[in-house]
């Protein structure tokens, strides 16, 4: 097997939400694969210290501003070889905690903003005849694990990626989705400080007995960006320590009697 097909030497990859826990892992894994990385986030300070060739600043909650920033970048640098749409946000919530404002905010950041960010790039990739998009969605887009507005947005990303795969495949544009489960990023730190026993309730749901690491999500994204995935488009890959494979808690509680 030609190991070079798994590399990204000479490729430029734009990563949104690059300053976050998964975003920083994406930057590191892409650089290790030889890619030149363009980091996007809300503020320059969020990108400080990352190994980047360029930066793009926008608040994905503002669709118009996001599109304008991306269009300025494209006018200056042209379309990247690949894009990883990683930026997103949610809070722990149930249906009882939803209202119009919460629903609109979740969709604005996680779906509408992702569309505004990627749509101009897809058009540029299609004109060029090549490009790869990777959307970081969530297991919440595949089944219900709480956070209903966020889940609706992530399910929308999956549908959007499939539309790109079907309608832009003829122009050489691929689109795939990664659906992480719980990822051990610094976002968990304050929750664990408040409740040190929280993982005792979380981990029994995961067949691997642990949360996914940011690097594991990043490695899957690198694969989708690489020529090793040249024939793959429109797919959805859970990176979730087995969560969506089945109900381990049910097996343990009902069948094993634990």
C-alpha atoms as a PDB file:
ATOM      1  CA  UNK A   1       0.000   0.000   0.000  1.00  0.00           C
ATOM      2  CA  UNK A   2       1.230   3.463  -0.894  1.00  0.00           C
ATOM      3  CA  UNK A   3       1.418   5.240   2.468  1.00  0.00           C
ATOM      4  CA  UNK A   4       1.629   8.617   0.718  1.00  0.00           C
ATOM      5  CA  UNK A   5      -2.103   8.528  -0.036  1.00  0.00           C
ATOM      6  CA  UNK A   6      -2.747   9.004   3.669  1.00  0.00           C
ATOM      7  CA  UNK A   7      -0.626  12.171   3.762  1.00  0.00           C
ATOM      8  CA  UNK A   8      -1.531  15.766   2.993  1.00  0.00           C
ATOM      9  CA  UNK A   9       1.798  17.132   1.790  1.00  0.00           C
ATOM     10  CA  UNK A  10       1.274  20.383  -0.067  1.00  0.00           C
ATOM     11  CA  UNK A  11      -2.448  20.513   0.725  1.00  0.00           C
ATOM     12  CA  UNK A  12      -4.111  23.496   2.362  1.00  0.00           C
ATOM     13  CA  UNK A  13      -6.848  22.757   4.879  1.00  0.00           C
ATOM     14  CA  UNK A  14      -9.102  25.349   6.523  1.00  0.00           C
ATOM     15  CA  UNK A  15     -10.327  24.448  10.020  1.00  0.00           C
ATOM     16  CA  UNK A  16     -13.120  26.361  11.733  1.00  0.00           C
ATOM     17  CA  UNK A  17     -13.188  26.475  15.514  1.00  0.00           C
ATOM     18  CA  UNK A  18      -9.446  25.851  15.385  1.00  0.00           C
ATOM     19  CA  UNK A  19      -8.848  27.288  18.833  1.00  0.00           C
ATOM     20  CA  UNK A  20     -11.061  24.772  20.654  1.00  0.00           C
ATOM     21  CA  UNK A  21     -10.190  21.388  22.087  1.00  0.00           C
ATOM     22  CA  UNK A  22     -11.002  19.383  18.950  1.00  0.00           C
ATOM     23  CA  UNK A  23      -9.810  22.253  16.756  1.00  0.00           C
ATOM     24  CA  UNK A  24      -6.329  22.277  18.255  1.00  0.00           C
ATOM     25  CA  UNK A  25      -6.098  18.503  17.794  1.00  0.00           C
ATOM     26  CA  UNK A  26      -7.173  18.930  14.174  1.00  0.00           C
ATOM     27  CA  UNK A  27      -4.413  21.475  13.582  1.00  0.00           C
ATOM     28  CA  UNK A  28      -1.790  19.181  15.146  1.00  0.00           C
ATOM     29  CA  UNK A  29      -2.888  16.092  13.208  1.00  0.00           C
ATOM     30  CA  UNK A  30      -3.117  17.966   9.916  1.00  0.00           C
ATOM     31  CA  UNK A  31       0.348  19.437  10.389  1.00  0.00           C
ATOM     32  CA  UNK A  32       1.723  15.981  11.223  1.00  0.00           C
ATOM     33  CA  UNK A  33       0.245  14.770   7.919  1.00  0.00           C
ATOM     34  CA  UNK A  34       2.054  17.569   6.056  1.00  0.00           C
ATOM     35  CA  UNK A  35      -0.845  19.960   5.495  1.00  0.00           C
ATOM     36  CA  UNK A  36      -0.703  23.737   5.564  1.00  0.00           C
ATOM     37  CA  UNK A  37      -3.440  24.793   7.972  1.00  0.00           C
ATOM     38  CA  UNK A  38      -5.595  27.911   7.895  1.00  0.00           C
ATOM     39  CA  UNK A  39      -7.223  28.445  11.283  1.00  0.00           C
ATOM     40  CA  UNK A  40     -10.592  30.128  11.702  1.00  0.00           C
ATOM     41  CA  UNK A  41     -12.192  31.267  14.946  1.00  0.00           C
ATOM     42  CA  UNK A  42     -13.922  34.220  16.574  1.00  0.00           C
ATOM     43  CA  UNK A  43     -10.838  36.034  17.830  1.00  0.00           C
ATOM     44  CA  UNK A  44      -7.142  36.043  16.955  1.00  0.00           C
ATOM     45  CA  UNK A  45      -6.253  35.286  20.577  1.00  0.00           C
ATOM     46  CA  UNK A  46      -7.972  31.903  20.271  1.00  0.00           C
ATOM     47  CA  UNK A  47      -5.497  30.937  17.534  1.00  0.00           C
ATOM     48  CA  UNK A  48      -2.347  32.135  19.272  1.00  0.00           C
ATOM     49  CA  UNK A  49       0.429  29.572  19.362  1.00  0.00           C
ATOM     50  CA  UNK A  50      -1.046  27.282  16.704  1.00  0.00           C
ATOM     51  CA  UNK A  51       1.051  26.240  13.702  1.00  0.00           C
ATOM     52  CA  UNK A  52      -0.912  28.061  11.003  1.00  0.00           C
ATOM     53  CA  UNK A  53      -0.129  29.597   7.632  1.00  0.00           C
ATOM     54  CA  UNK A  54      -3.062  32.000   7.806  1.00  0.00           C
ATOM     55  CA  UNK A  55      -6.088  32.911   9.899  1.00  0.00           C
ATOM     56  CA  UNK A  56      -9.685  33.872   9.193  1.00  0.00           C
ATOM     57  CA  UNK A  57     -11.804  35.557  11.858  1.00  0.00           C
ATOM     58  CA  UNK A  58     -15.585  35.391  12.121  1.00  0.00           C
ATOM     59  CA  UNK A  59     -18.344  34.640  14.601  1.00  0.00           C
ATOM     60  CA  UNK A  60     -20.275  31.725  13.128  1.00  0.00           C
ATOM     61  CA  UNK A  61     -23.432  32.892  14.927  1.00  0.00           C
ATOM     62  CA  UNK A  62     -23.410  35.781  12.429  1.00  0.00           C
ATOM     63  CA  UNK A  63     -24.080  34.131   9.068  1.00  0.00           C
ATOM     64  CA  UNK A  64     -23.658  37.317   7.023  1.00  0.00           C
ATOM     65  CA  UNK A  65     -20.369  38.217   8.674  1.00  0.00           C
ATOM     66  CA  UNK A  66     -19.133  34.641   8.325  1.00  0.00           C
ATOM     67  CA  UNK A  67     -19.848  34.560   4.599  1.00  0.00           C
ATOM     68  CA  UNK A  68     -18.186  37.943   4.097  1.00  0.00           C
ATOM     69  CA  UNK A  69     -15.010  36.845   5.902  1.00  0.00           C
ATOM     70  CA  UNK A  70     -14.799  33.641   3.871  1.00  0.00           C
ATOM     71  CA  UNK A  71     -15.359  35.493   0.615  1.00  0.00           C
ATOM     72  CA  UNK A  72     -12.521  37.882   1.477  1.00  0.00           C
ATOM     73  CA  UNK A  73     -10.258  34.915   2.196  1.00  0.00           C
ATOM     74  CA  UNK A  74     -11.192  33.224  -1.096  1.00  0.00           C
ATOM     75  CA  UNK A  75     -10.526  36.421  -3.048  1.00  0.00           C
ATOM     76  CA  UNK A  76      -7.070  36.603  -1.484  1.00  0.00           C
ATOM     77  CA  UNK A  77      -6.008  32.952  -1.395  1.00  0.00           C
ATOM     78  CA  UNK A  78      -8.391  30.868  -3.482  1.00  0.00           C
ATOM     79  CA  UNK A  79     -10.167  27.724  -2.367  1.00  0.00           C
ATOM     80  CA  UNK A  80      -8.381  25.437   0.098  1.00  0.00           C
ATOM     81  CA  UNK A  81      -7.960  21.787  -0.821  1.00  0.00           C
ATOM     82  CA  UNK A  82     -10.115  20.759   2.126  1.00  0.00           C
ATOM     83  CA  UNK A  83     -12.282  22.290   4.833  1.00  0.00           C
ATOM     84  CA  UNK A  84     -13.093  20.878   8.241  1.00  0.00           C
ATOM     85  CA  UNK A  85     -16.265  22.538   9.547  1.00  0.00           C
ATOM     86  CA  UNK A  86     -15.659  22.057  13.249  1.00  0.00           C
ATOM     87  CA  UNK A  87     -16.987  25.185  14.972  1.00  0.00           C
ATOM     88  CA  UNK A  88     -20.050  24.649  17.105  1.00  0.00           C
ATOM     89  CA  UNK A  89     -21.584  25.198  20.512  1.00  0.00           C
ATOM     90  CA  UNK A  90     -24.206  23.733  22.799  1.00  0.00           C
ATOM     91  CA  UNK A  91     -25.376  23.692  26.394  1.00  0.00           C
ATOM     92  CA  UNK A  92     -26.898  20.777  28.278  1.00  0.00           C
ATOM     93  CA  UNK A  93     -30.649  21.008  27.806  1.00  0.00           C
ATOM     94  CA  UNK A  94     -33.862  19.036  27.455  1.00  0.00           C
ATOM     95  CA  UNK A  95     -37.115  19.866  25.683  1.00  0.00           C
ATOM     96  CA  UNK A  96     -38.403  21.504  28.855  1.00  0.00           C
ATOM     97  CA  UNK A  97     -35.572  24.043  28.689  1.00  0.00           C
ATOM     98  CA  UNK A  98     -36.128  25.090  25.074  1.00  0.00           C
ATOM     99  CA  UNK A  99     -37.664  28.316  23.857  1.00  0.00           C
ATOM    100  CA  UNK A 100     -37.557  30.213  20.578  1.00  0.00           C
ATOM    101  CA  UNK A 101     -34.376  32.085  21.508  1.00  0.00           C
ATOM    102  CA  UNK A 102     -32.433  28.956  22.496  1.00  0.00           C
ATOM    103  CA  UNK A 103     -33.610  27.100  19.388  1.00  0.00           C
ATOM    104  CA  UNK A 104     -32.631  29.977  17.098  1.00  0.00           C
ATOM    105  CA  UNK A 105     -29.217  30.413  18.736  1.00  0.00           C
ATOM    106  CA  UNK A 106     -28.311  26.728  18.428  1.00  0.00           C
ATOM    107  CA  UNK A 107     -29.302  26.559  14.773  1.00  0.00           C
ATOM    108  CA  UNK A 108     -27.587  29.867  13.997  1.00  0.00           C
ATOM    109  CA  UNK A 109     -24.208  28.649  15.190  1.00  0.00           C
ATOM    110  CA  UNK A 110     -24.310  24.960  14.384  1.00  0.00           C
ATOM    111  CA  UNK A 111     -26.202  24.874  11.088  1.00  0.00           C
ATOM    112  CA  UNK A 112     -26.808  28.274   9.507  1.00  0.00           C
ATOM    113  CA  UNK A 113     -23.301  29.494  10.246  1.00  0.00           C
ATOM    114  CA  UNK A 114     -21.755  26.279   8.964  1.00  0.00           C
ATOM    115  CA  UNK A 115     -23.699  26.696   5.741  1.00  0.00           C
ATOM    116  CA  UNK A 116     -22.607  30.330   5.367  1.00  0.00           C
ATOM    117  CA  UNK A 117     -18.985  29.314   5.974  1.00  0.00           C
ATOM    118  CA  UNK A 118     -18.882  26.412   3.531  1.00  0.00           C
ATOM    119  CA  UNK A 119     -21.202  27.524   0.721  1.00  0.00           C
ATOM    120  CA  UNK A 120     -18.780  29.991  -0.927  1.00  0.00           C
ATOM    121  CA  UNK A 121     -15.944  27.481  -0.580  1.00  0.00           C
ATOM    122  CA  UNK A 122     -17.975  24.704  -2.184  1.00  0.00           C
ATOM    123  CA  UNK A 123     -18.708  26.954  -5.160  1.00  0.00           C
ATOM    124  CA  UNK A 124     -14.990  27.726  -5.546  1.00  0.00           C
ATOM    125  CA  UNK A 125     -14.058  24.048  -5.212  1.00  0.00           C
ATOM    126  CA  UNK A 126     -16.627  23.100  -7.843  1.00  0.00           C
ATOM    127  CA  UNK A 127     -15.214  25.662 -10.270  1.00  0.00           C
ATOM    128  CA  UNK A 128     -11.747  24.229  -9.685  1.00  0.00           C
ATOM    129  CA  UNK A 129     -12.994  20.652 -10.007  1.00  0.00           C
ATOM    130  CA  UNK A 130     -11.762  19.268  -6.686  1.00  0.00           C
ATOM    131  CA  UNK A 131     -12.209  19.631  -2.945  1.00  0.00           C
ATOM    132  CA  UNK A 132     -13.093  17.821   0.264  1.00  0.00           C
ATOM    133  CA  UNK A 133     -15.333  18.884   3.123  1.00  0.00           C
ATOM    134  CA  UNK A 134     -15.515  17.262   6.529  1.00  0.00           C
ATOM    135  CA  UNK A 135     -18.301  18.235   8.907  1.00  0.00           C
ATOM    136  CA  UNK A 136     -17.853  17.589  12.619  1.00  0.00           C
ATOM    137  CA  UNK A 137     -21.423  16.803  13.642  1.00  0.00           C
ATOM    138  CA  UNK A 138     -22.365  14.687  16.663  1.00  0.00           C
ATOM    139  CA  UNK A 139     -23.986  11.438  17.724  1.00  0.00           C
ATOM    140  CA  UNK A 140     -26.834  13.783  18.671  1.00  0.00           C
ATOM    141  CA  UNK A 141     -27.584  13.987  14.954  1.00  0.00           C
ATOM    142  CA  UNK A 142     -28.059  10.208  14.818  1.00  0.00           C
ATOM    143  CA  UNK A 143     -30.089   9.555  17.967  1.00  0.00           C
ATOM    144  CA  UNK A 144     -31.429  11.450  20.920  1.00  0.00           C
ATOM    145  CA  UNK A 145     -28.978  11.998  23.780  1.00  0.00           C
ATOM    146  CA  UNK A 146     -30.447  15.286  24.986  1.00  0.00           C
ATOM    147  CA  UNK A 147     -29.757  18.784  23.603  1.00  0.00           C
ATOM    148  CA  UNK A 148     -32.671  18.722  21.118  1.00  0.00           C
ATOM    149  CA  UNK A 149     -31.929  22.004  19.321  1.00  0.00           C
ATOM    150  CA  UNK A 150     -28.263  21.091  18.919  1.00  0.00           C
ATOM    151  CA  UNK A 151     -29.328  17.644  17.741  1.00  0.00           C
ATOM    152  CA  UNK A 152     -31.603  19.165  15.102  1.00  0.00           C
ATOM    153  CA  UNK A 153     -28.750  21.350  13.861  1.00  0.00           C
ATOM    154  CA  UNK A 154     -26.305  18.448  13.667  1.00  0.00           C
ATOM    155  CA  UNK A 155     -28.844  16.285  11.861  1.00  0.00           C
ATOM    156  CA  UNK A 156     -29.196  19.182   9.438  1.00  0.00           C
ATOM    157  CA  UNK A 157     -25.436  19.139   8.843  1.00  0.00           C
ATOM    158  CA  UNK A 158     -25.647  15.466   7.916  1.00  0.00           C
ATOM    159  CA  UNK A 159     -28.394  16.193   5.388  1.00  0.00           C
ATOM    160  CA  UNK A 160     -26.447  19.155   4.021  1.00  0.00           C
ATOM    161  CA  UNK A 161     -23.298  17.047   3.563  1.00  0.00           C
ATOM    162  CA  UNK A 162     -25.265  14.430   1.652  1.00  0.00           C
ATOM    163  CA  UNK A 163     -26.685  17.141  -0.621  1.00  0.00           C
ATOM    164  CA  UNK A 164     -23.166  18.345  -1.386  1.00  0.00           C
ATOM    165  CA  UNK A 165     -21.994  14.798  -2.063  1.00  0.00           C
ATOM    166  CA  UNK A 166     -24.841  14.138  -4.504  1.00  0.00           C
ATOM    167  CA  UNK A 167     -25.062  17.501  -6.262  1.00  0.00           C
ATOM    168  CA  UNK A 168     -21.386  18.504  -6.364  1.00  0.00           C
ATOM    169  CA  UNK A 169     -19.749  15.114  -6.793  1.00  0.00           C
ATOM    170  CA  UNK A 170     -19.708  15.606 -10.541  1.00  0.00           C
ATOM    171  CA  UNK A 171     -17.470  18.658  -9.981  1.00  0.00           C
ATOM    172  CA  UNK A 172     -15.033  16.654  -7.862  1.00  0.00           C
ATOM    173  CA  UNK A 173     -16.263  17.871  -4.460  1.00  0.00           C
ATOM    174  CA  UNK A 174     -16.551  15.308  -1.657  1.00  0.00           C
ATOM    175  CA  UNK A 175     -18.364  15.773   1.662  1.00  0.00           C
ATOM    176  CA  UNK A 176     -18.300  13.476   4.688  1.00  0.00           C
ATOM    177  CA  UNK A 177     -19.434  13.713   8.299  1.00  0.00           C
ATOM    178  CA  UNK A 178     -17.831  12.684  11.578  1.00  0.00           C
ATOM    179  CA  UNK A 179     -20.140  12.178  14.562  1.00  0.00           C
ATOM    180  CA  UNK A 180     -18.212  12.227  17.845  1.00  0.00           C
ATOM    181  CA  UNK A 181     -19.685  11.095  21.123  1.00  0.00           C
ATOM    182  CA  UNK A 182     -18.435  12.639  24.349  1.00  0.00           C
ATOM    183  CA  UNK A 183     -14.937  13.986  23.677  1.00  0.00           C
ATOM    184  CA  UNK A 184     -12.518  14.616  26.541  1.00  0.00           C
ATOM    185  CA  UNK A 185     -11.768  18.267  25.856  1.00  0.00           C
ATOM    186  CA  UNK A 186     -11.144  21.040  28.416  1.00  0.00           C
ATOM    187  CA  UNK A 187     -14.865  21.825  28.169  1.00  0.00           C
ATOM    188  CA  UNK A 188     -15.397  18.917  30.572  1.00  0.00           C
ATOM    189  CA  UNK A 189     -13.063  20.317  33.223  1.00  0.00           C
ATOM    190  CA  UNK A 190     -15.573  22.586  34.959  1.00  0.00           C
ATOM    191  CA  UNK A 191     -18.231  19.858  34.931  1.00  0.00           C
ATOM    192  CA  UNK A 192     -15.866  17.381  36.548  1.00  0.00           C
ATOM    193  CA  UNK A 193     -14.772  19.949  39.106  1.00  0.00           C
ATOM    194  CA  UNK A 194     -18.408  20.512  40.037  1.00  0.00           C
ATOM    195  CA  UNK A 195     -19.197  16.766  40.074  1.00  0.00           C
ATOM    196  CA  UNK A 196     -16.107  14.513  40.392  1.00  0.00           C
ATOM    197  CA  UNK A 197     -18.322  11.431  40.093  1.00  0.00           C
ATOM    198  CA  UNK A 198     -19.874  12.485  36.782  1.00  0.00           C
ATOM    199  CA  UNK A 199     -17.878   9.984  34.733  1.00  0.00           C
ATOM    200  CA  UNK A 200     -19.321   7.157  36.800  1.00  0.00           C
ATOM    201  CA  UNK A 201     -22.630   7.951  35.109  1.00  0.00           C
ATOM    202  CA  UNK A 202     -21.204   8.722  31.662  1.00  0.00           C
ATOM    203  CA  UNK A 203     -18.744   5.927  30.956  1.00  0.00           C
ATOM    204  CA  UNK A 204     -21.058   2.917  31.437  1.00  0.00           C
ATOM    205  CA  UNK A 205     -22.851   3.974  28.248  1.00  0.00           C
ATOM    206  CA  UNK A 206     -19.680   3.601  26.158  1.00  0.00           C
ATOM    207  CA  UNK A 207     -18.583   0.093  25.093  1.00  0.00           C
ATOM    208  CA  UNK A 208     -14.907   1.150  25.109  1.00  0.00           C
ATOM    209  CA  UNK A 209     -15.383   2.327  28.688  1.00  0.00           C
ATOM    210  CA  UNK A 210     -13.997   5.792  28.029  1.00  0.00           C
ATOM    211  CA  UNK A 211     -14.590   9.025  26.196  1.00  0.00           C
ATOM    212  CA  UNK A 212     -13.081   9.659  22.786  1.00  0.00           C
ATOM    213  CA  UNK A 213      -9.910  11.739  22.638  1.00  0.00           C
ATOM    214  CA  UNK A 214      -9.712  14.856  20.439  1.00  0.00           C
ATOM    215  CA  UNK A 215      -6.858  13.286  18.445  1.00  0.00           C
ATOM    216  CA  UNK A 216      -9.101  10.357  17.527  1.00  0.00           C
ATOM    217  CA  UNK A 217     -11.640  12.701  15.979  1.00  0.00           C
ATOM    218  CA  UNK A 218      -8.825  14.567  14.238  1.00  0.00           C
ATOM    219  CA  UNK A 219      -7.294  11.408  12.771  1.00  0.00           C
ATOM    220  CA  UNK A 220     -10.608  10.478  11.172  1.00  0.00           C
ATOM    221  CA  UNK A 221     -10.840  13.963   9.656  1.00  0.00           C
ATOM    222  CA  UNK A 222      -7.307  13.710   8.245  1.00  0.00           C
ATOM    223  CA  UNK A 223      -8.286  10.447   6.564  1.00  0.00           C
ATOM    224  CA  UNK A 224     -11.340  12.016   4.921  1.00  0.00           C
ATOM    225  CA  UNK A 225      -9.195  14.918   3.657  1.00  0.00           C
ATOM    226  CA  UNK A 226      -6.579  12.589   2.182  1.00  0.00           C
ATOM    227  CA  UNK A 227      -6.411  10.783  -1.157  1.00  0.00           C
ATOM    228  CA  UNK A 228      -6.943   7.543   0.765  1.00  0.00           C
ATOM    229  CA  UNK A 229     -10.615   8.589   0.948  1.00  0.00           C
ATOM    230  CA  UNK A 230     -10.831   9.698  -2.701  1.00  0.00           C
ATOM    231  CA  UNK A 231     -13.745   7.365  -3.418  1.00  0.00           C
ATOM    232  CA  UNK A 232     -15.657   8.165  -0.235  1.00  0.00           C
ATOM    233  CA  UNK A 233     -18.371  10.807  -0.118  1.00  0.00           C
ATOM    234  CA  UNK A 234     -21.720  11.270   1.569  1.00  0.00           C
ATOM    235  CA  UNK A 235     -20.796   9.027   4.503  1.00  0.00           C
ATOM    236  CA  UNK A 236     -21.349   9.430   8.235  1.00  0.00           C
ATOM    237  CA  UNK A 237     -18.683   8.042  10.566  1.00  0.00           C
ATOM    238  CA  UNK A 238     -19.365   7.810  14.305  1.00  0.00           C
ATOM    239  CA  UNK A 239     -16.213   8.306  16.382  1.00  0.00           C
ATOM    240  CA  UNK A 240     -17.972   7.570  19.619  1.00  0.00           C
ATOM    241  CA  UNK A 241     -16.297   4.738  21.581  1.00  0.00           C
ATOM    242  CA  UNK A 242     -19.159   2.495  20.439  1.00  0.00           C
ATOM    243  CA  UNK A 243     -22.078   4.543  21.784  1.00  0.00           C
ATOM    244  CA  UNK A 244     -24.257   4.280  18.679  1.00  0.00           C
ATOM    245  CA  UNK A 245     -23.484   0.585  18.119  1.00  0.00           C
ATOM    246  CA  UNK A 246     -26.036  -0.379  20.752  1.00  0.00           C
ATOM    247  CA  UNK A 247     -27.204   0.098  24.321  1.00  0.00           C
ATOM    248  CA  UNK A 248     -24.522  -1.279  26.656  1.00  0.00           C
ATOM    249  CA  UNK A 249     -26.378  -0.038  29.741  1.00  0.00           C
ATOM    250  CA  UNK A 250     -29.446  -2.054  28.680  1.00  0.00           C
ATOM    251  CA  UNK A 251     -27.324  -5.180  28.199  1.00  0.00           C
ATOM    252  CA  UNK A 252     -25.713  -4.759  31.607  1.00  0.00           C
ATOM    253  CA  UNK A 253     -28.857  -3.833  33.523  1.00  0.00           C
ATOM    254  CA  UNK A 254     -31.383  -6.140  31.877  1.00  0.00           C
ATOM    255  CA  UNK A 255     -29.473  -9.144  30.561  1.00  0.00           C
ATOM    256  CA  UNK A 256     -26.461  -9.356  32.851  1.00  0.00           C
ATOM    257  CA  UNK A 257     -28.340  -8.084  35.868  1.00  0.00           C
ATOM    258  CA  UNK A 258     -25.567  -5.762  37.020  1.00  0.00           C
END
